[in-house]
Protein backbone atom coordinates (compact mmCIF):
# COMPACT_ATOMS: atom_id res chain seq x y z
CA MET A 1 45.18 118.49 104.90
CA VAL A 2 41.80 119.95 103.29
CA SER A 3 39.21 121.75 105.17
CA GLN A 4 35.84 120.42 105.19
CA SER A 5 34.49 123.46 107.11
CA ASN A 6 32.05 126.19 105.93
CA GLY A 7 34.50 128.74 106.19
CA SER A 8 35.45 131.19 103.00
CA PRO A 9 38.98 130.66 101.60
CA THR A 10 40.94 133.52 102.52
CA ALA A 11 42.84 133.74 99.08
CA PRO A 12 40.71 135.17 96.30
CA LEU A 13 38.86 132.41 94.34
CA LYS A 14 41.06 131.03 91.33
CA PHE A 15 39.22 128.13 89.47
CA LEU A 16 41.05 125.53 87.07
CA ILE A 17 38.27 124.04 85.01
CA TYR A 18 38.80 121.04 82.77
CA GLY A 19 36.31 120.08 79.96
CA ARG A 20 36.74 123.36 78.18
CA THR A 21 35.12 121.57 75.02
CA GLY A 22 32.30 119.90 76.93
CA TRP A 23 28.62 120.74 77.96
CA ILE A 24 29.15 121.19 81.69
CA GLY A 25 32.86 122.66 81.28
CA GLY A 26 31.69 125.57 79.12
CA LEU A 27 28.72 126.31 81.25
CA LEU A 28 31.11 126.52 84.19
CA GLY A 29 32.86 129.11 82.57
CA LYS A 30 30.07 131.22 81.64
CA ILE A 31 28.99 131.01 85.35
CA CYS A 32 32.44 131.98 86.63
CA GLU A 33 32.30 135.13 84.15
CA SER A 34 28.83 136.14 85.53
CA LYS A 35 30.15 135.85 89.04
CA GLY A 36 33.35 137.58 88.41
CA ILE A 37 35.31 134.58 89.32
CA ASP A 38 38.74 134.30 88.21
CA TYR A 39 38.94 130.92 86.18
CA SER A 40 41.25 129.13 83.56
CA TYR A 41 40.77 126.21 81.59
CA GLY A 42 43.15 123.71 81.76
CA THR A 43 45.29 122.79 78.82
CA GLY A 44 46.97 119.38 80.24
CA ARG A 45 45.29 115.71 79.28
CA LEU A 46 44.02 114.25 82.31
CA GLU A 47 45.91 111.02 81.72
CA SER A 48 49.17 113.11 81.54
CA ARG A 49 50.47 113.86 85.01
CA ASP A 50 53.22 115.99 83.82
CA THR A 51 50.79 118.15 81.98
CA LEU A 52 48.44 118.50 84.86
CA ILE A 53 51.37 119.65 87.40
CA ALA A 54 52.21 122.12 84.93
CA ASP A 55 48.67 123.68 84.64
CA LEU A 56 48.54 123.83 88.59
CA ALA A 57 51.83 125.75 88.29
CA THR A 58 50.96 127.95 85.98
CA VAL A 59 47.20 128.94 87.20
CA ASN A 60 47.86 128.21 90.65
CA PRO A 61 44.20 127.62 91.34
CA THR A 62 42.32 127.53 94.87
CA HIS A 63 39.87 124.89 93.39
CA VAL A 64 40.05 122.36 90.68
CA PHE A 65 37.02 121.32 88.66
CA ASN A 66 36.90 118.25 86.76
CA ALA A 67 34.05 118.18 83.70
CA ALA A 68 36.02 116.44 81.55
CA GLY A 69 35.14 112.80 80.43
CA VAL A 70 34.52 110.21 77.85
CA THR A 71 30.66 109.71 77.41
CA GLY A 72 30.59 108.64 73.78
CA ARG A 73 29.22 110.16 70.68
CA PRO A 74 26.45 109.93 69.94
CA ASN A 75 25.98 108.02 73.15
CA VAL A 76 27.27 105.84 75.83
CA ASP A 77 27.00 102.87 73.20
CA TRP A 78 30.32 104.08 71.85
CA CYS A 79 32.21 103.31 74.89
CA GLU A 80 31.31 99.58 74.43
CA SER A 81 33.61 99.21 71.52
CA HIS A 82 36.12 101.88 72.87
CA LYS A 83 36.84 100.54 76.31
CA VAL A 84 40.43 101.31 76.40
CA GLU A 85 39.76 104.99 75.69
CA THR A 86 37.27 104.92 77.81
CA ILE A 87 39.29 103.57 80.84
CA ARG A 88 42.08 106.24 79.71
CA THR A 89 40.00 109.37 80.39
CA ASN A 90 37.33 108.36 83.06
CA VAL A 91 39.29 105.88 85.21
CA VAL A 92 43.12 106.82 84.73
CA GLY A 93 42.64 110.44 84.02
CA THR A 94 40.49 111.40 86.61
CA LEU A 95 42.32 109.52 89.22
CA THR A 96 45.63 111.24 87.94
CA LEU A 97 44.06 114.42 88.56
CA ALA A 98 42.66 113.57 92.01
CA ASP A 99 46.27 112.43 93.16
CA VAL A 100 47.94 115.71 91.38
CA CYS A 101 45.43 117.92 93.63
CA ARG A 102 45.59 116.01 96.86
CA GLU A 103 49.51 116.52 96.64
CA LYS A 104 48.92 120.12 95.99
CA GLY A 105 46.44 120.19 98.90
CA LEU A 106 43.75 121.44 96.72
CA ILE A 107 40.04 120.28 96.43
CA LEU A 108 38.83 118.72 93.37
CA ILE A 109 35.07 119.09 92.60
CA ASN A 110 34.26 116.14 90.04
CA TYR A 111 31.22 115.64 88.00
CA ALA A 112 30.42 112.24 88.09
CA THR A 113 27.37 110.22 87.10
CA GLY A 114 24.45 108.74 89.21
CA CYS A 115 23.85 106.39 86.26
CA ILE A 116 25.38 103.72 88.74
CA PHE A 117 22.22 102.46 89.95
CA GLU A 118 18.95 100.76 88.62
CA TYR A 119 15.79 100.35 90.44
CA ASP A 120 15.64 97.15 92.62
CA SER A 121 13.37 95.12 95.35
CA GLU A 122 14.51 97.95 97.97
CA HIS A 123 14.39 100.74 95.48
CA GLN A 124 11.23 100.56 93.54
CA ILE A 125 9.50 102.64 90.91
CA GLY A 126 7.41 105.18 92.44
CA SER A 127 8.32 104.11 95.96
CA GLY A 128 10.33 107.39 96.88
CA VAL A 129 13.16 105.09 98.36
CA GLY A 130 16.01 106.72 96.62
CA PHE A 131 19.83 105.19 96.59
CA LYS A 132 21.92 107.05 99.02
CA GLU A 133 25.35 108.29 98.76
CA GLU A 134 26.94 105.58 100.74
CA ASP A 135 25.00 102.77 98.83
CA THR A 136 27.00 100.62 96.54
CA PRO A 137 26.06 100.64 92.71
CA ASN A 138 24.43 97.94 91.37
CA PHE A 139 24.09 98.74 87.56
CA VAL A 140 26.65 97.57 85.45
CA GLY A 141 24.69 97.13 82.33
CA SER A 142 27.08 99.63 80.19
CA PHE A 143 30.68 99.81 80.24
CA TYR A 144 30.52 103.74 80.48
CA SER A 145 28.57 102.78 83.93
CA LYS A 146 31.30 100.38 85.11
CA THR A 147 34.18 102.85 84.69
CA LYS A 148 32.26 105.61 86.47
CA ALA A 149 31.37 103.13 89.46
CA MET A 150 35.02 102.19 89.54
CA VAL A 151 36.47 105.46 89.78
CA GLU A 152 33.91 106.49 92.35
CA GLU A 153 34.93 103.72 94.75
CA LEU A 154 38.68 104.49 94.32
CA LEU A 155 38.05 108.22 94.88
CA LYS A 156 36.46 107.66 98.34
CA ASN A 157 39.98 107.42 99.22
CA TYR A 158 40.69 110.82 98.36
CA GLU A 159 40.00 113.10 101.35
CA ASN A 160 40.41 116.22 98.80
CA VAL A 161 37.30 115.22 96.35
CA CYS A 162 33.91 116.09 96.08
CA THR A 163 32.04 113.75 93.82
CA LEU A 164 28.69 115.16 92.27
CA ARG A 165 26.64 112.35 91.05
CA VAL A 166 25.04 113.83 87.81
CA ARG A 167 21.79 112.35 86.12
CA MET A 168 20.19 112.85 82.83
CA PRO A 169 21.51 116.68 82.74
CA ILE A 170 18.93 119.36 81.59
CA SER A 171 19.68 123.22 80.90
CA SER A 172 17.53 125.95 79.54
CA ASP A 173 19.42 125.51 76.19
CA LEU A 174 17.17 123.24 74.05
CA THR A 175 18.86 123.48 71.05
CA ASN A 176 22.06 121.23 72.78
CA PRO A 177 22.05 118.00 71.79
CA ARG A 178 23.37 116.61 75.01
CA ASN A 179 20.01 118.13 76.74
CA PHE A 180 17.98 115.48 77.97
CA ILE A 181 15.07 117.11 76.85
CA THR A 182 16.20 117.74 73.53
CA LYS A 183 17.52 114.17 73.06
CA ILE A 184 14.18 112.60 73.78
CA SER A 185 11.83 115.16 71.86
CA ARG A 186 13.95 114.10 68.62
CA TYR A 187 13.49 110.23 69.45
CA GLU A 188 11.12 108.23 67.50
CA LYS A 189 9.63 106.38 70.61
CA VAL A 190 10.86 106.83 74.16
CA VAL A 191 10.44 104.91 77.39
CA ASN A 192 8.36 106.25 80.25
CA ILE A 193 10.08 105.81 83.33
CA PRO A 194 10.44 108.00 86.54
CA ASN A 195 14.23 109.30 87.20
CA SER A 196 16.15 111.56 89.00
CA MET A 197 17.77 114.22 86.89
CA THR A 198 19.90 117.68 87.24
CA ILE A 199 18.92 120.85 86.31
CA LEU A 200 21.94 122.29 85.51
CA ASP A 201 21.03 126.14 85.35
CA GLU A 202 19.97 125.70 89.24
CA LEU A 203 22.74 122.96 90.34
CA LEU A 204 25.93 124.28 88.61
CA PRO A 205 25.80 127.50 90.57
CA ILE A 206 25.53 125.32 93.68
CA SER A 207 28.27 123.31 92.61
CA ILE A 208 30.70 126.65 92.74
CA GLU A 209 29.00 127.24 96.36
CA MET A 210 29.80 123.78 97.23
CA ALA A 211 33.62 124.54 96.24
CA LYS A 212 33.62 127.89 98.42
CA ARG A 213 32.51 125.78 101.29
CA ASN A 214 35.31 123.56 100.59
CA LEU A 215 32.62 120.20 100.65
CA THR A 216 34.31 117.03 100.03
CA GLY A 217 33.00 113.49 100.04
CA ILE A 218 29.84 111.89 97.72
CA TYR A 219 26.46 113.94 96.76
CA ASN A 220 23.95 112.84 94.99
CA PHE A 221 23.60 115.72 92.77
CA THR A 222 20.01 115.91 91.11
CA ASN A 223 16.80 117.87 92.13
CA PRO A 224 14.67 116.39 94.71
CA GLY A 225 12.07 113.77 93.31
CA CYS A 226 11.67 111.94 90.26
CA VAL A 227 10.09 112.96 86.65
CA SER A 228 9.42 110.50 83.86
CA HIS A 229 9.93 110.81 80.21
CA ASN A 230 6.22 111.52 79.38
CA GLU A 231 5.85 114.26 82.25
CA VAL A 232 8.97 115.95 80.30
CA LEU A 233 7.51 115.72 76.93
CA GLU A 234 3.81 117.12 78.31
CA LEU A 235 5.83 119.97 79.88
CA TYR A 236 7.67 120.42 76.61
CA ARG A 237 4.08 120.59 74.90
CA GLU A 238 2.38 122.77 77.26
CA TYR A 239 5.25 125.18 77.01
CA ILE A 240 6.87 125.20 73.49
CA ASP A 241 4.87 123.22 71.12
CA PRO A 242 1.52 122.49 71.41
CA ALA A 243 1.27 120.15 68.39
CA PHE A 244 4.13 117.90 69.74
CA THR A 245 3.27 114.24 69.37
CA TRP A 246 5.43 111.41 70.75
CA LYS A 247 5.29 107.45 70.88
CA ASN A 248 6.50 105.04 73.64
CA PHE A 249 7.64 102.12 74.06
CA ASN A 250 8.83 99.34 76.71
CA LEU A 251 12.41 98.37 77.98
CA GLU A 252 12.20 95.23 75.74
CA GLU A 253 11.56 97.31 72.65
CA GLN A 254 14.60 99.89 73.43
CA ALA A 255 16.72 97.12 73.94
CA LYS A 256 16.51 96.35 70.38
CA VAL A 257 17.74 99.65 69.12
CA ILE A 258 20.78 100.39 71.62
CA ILE A 259 23.66 98.27 72.65
CA ALA A 260 23.95 98.77 76.19
CA PRO A 261 21.23 98.84 78.72
CA ARG A 262 20.27 102.45 80.35
CA SER A 263 20.20 103.38 84.26
CA ASN A 264 16.94 104.02 85.68
CA ASN A 265 16.86 105.14 89.01
CA GLU A 266 15.53 107.73 91.88
CA LEU A 267 18.46 109.06 94.04
CA ASP A 268 17.98 110.59 97.57
CA THR A 269 19.05 113.95 97.82
CA THR A 270 18.59 114.59 101.71
CA LYS A 271 22.41 115.26 102.13
CA LEU A 272 22.39 117.95 99.43
CA LYS A 273 18.84 119.51 100.25
CA THR A 274 20.04 119.56 103.90
CA GLU A 275 23.43 121.70 102.84
CA PHE A 276 21.17 123.64 100.53
CA PRO A 277 17.35 123.87 101.71
CA GLU A 278 16.60 126.69 98.78
CA LEU A 279 17.25 123.71 96.17
CA LEU A 280 14.00 123.12 94.16
CA SER A 281 12.00 119.97 93.46
CA ILE A 282 12.83 118.32 90.02
CA LYS A 283 9.45 119.50 88.44
CA GLU A 284 9.18 122.86 89.91
CA SER A 285 13.00 123.40 88.77
CA LEU A 286 12.17 122.28 85.28
CA VAL A 287 9.25 125.11 84.97
CA LYS A 288 11.04 127.73 86.55
CA PHE A 289 14.73 127.46 84.79
CA VAL A 290 13.81 125.51 81.73
CA PHE A 291 10.29 125.88 80.28
CA GLU A 292 9.26 129.23 81.73
CA PRO A 293 12.46 131.15 79.97
CA ASN A 294 11.83 129.23 76.54
CA ARG A 295 7.87 129.40 76.67
CA LYS A 296 6.40 130.06 73.33
CA THR A 297 2.72 129.21 74.01
CA PRO A 298 0.60 132.26 75.09
CA VAL A 299 -0.02 132.45 78.87
CA ALA A 300 -3.48 130.98 79.72
CA ALA A 301 -5.55 134.18 80.95
């Protein structure tokens, strides 16, 4: 029904994007503008099938992007006390959009999460062994992650969906409160655990290229390798604020100030790197796309 080849679409590109008020959705619109790609934001609610059908009829897109979803404000702890609202958008809404797109023969690029795994005996911290696309999620510590794992499993049955597992997203906008760097730079204390992360400045344009190539299936959508909280903050101190200091605490201490446990893991990016060999490692990407453009400290002679 939908092509998985690398052939270019015959019709001019026209993207329909859900998540206009969200961080990723807003960035997608800016990227489309910079690339001269025609796009519109969806006005329908994901859980309302009729409004999605109306959007598709009005826009007549070549591809659909879903960057809408409930992550919770100020964080995923919100989902623990708003479970029905979380299900409505993250499960019912996402499945409805995928189903409507399938009926119309359209590929859906779905920005999902990689926070559905946690380090275990076969994937230990620092081992370099990451979770692969076909691995079964093993993290159920938060209700948010539970809903994301549920919907990912169901979406495997939709051959028109490209699921992108985003983790701890970072962008060059260090004022954005959703930015992982902004978050941890404002915390009183941080844990220090290596994790896979997503540099949006590099990877969101790649997701648009994935749509052009009509790729489907699951992709670990992070930069190769891992970086720890301390390593990120050391770069922040080096490039942004030489006087910056921070304190660490362990997972047991962190558990006292959060409601739901957090996911920590490394994802295997072989599949994405094979498709896009130019993809930079997490530390290289951090420097090139985030810290160099924001540098406030003098360059060493």
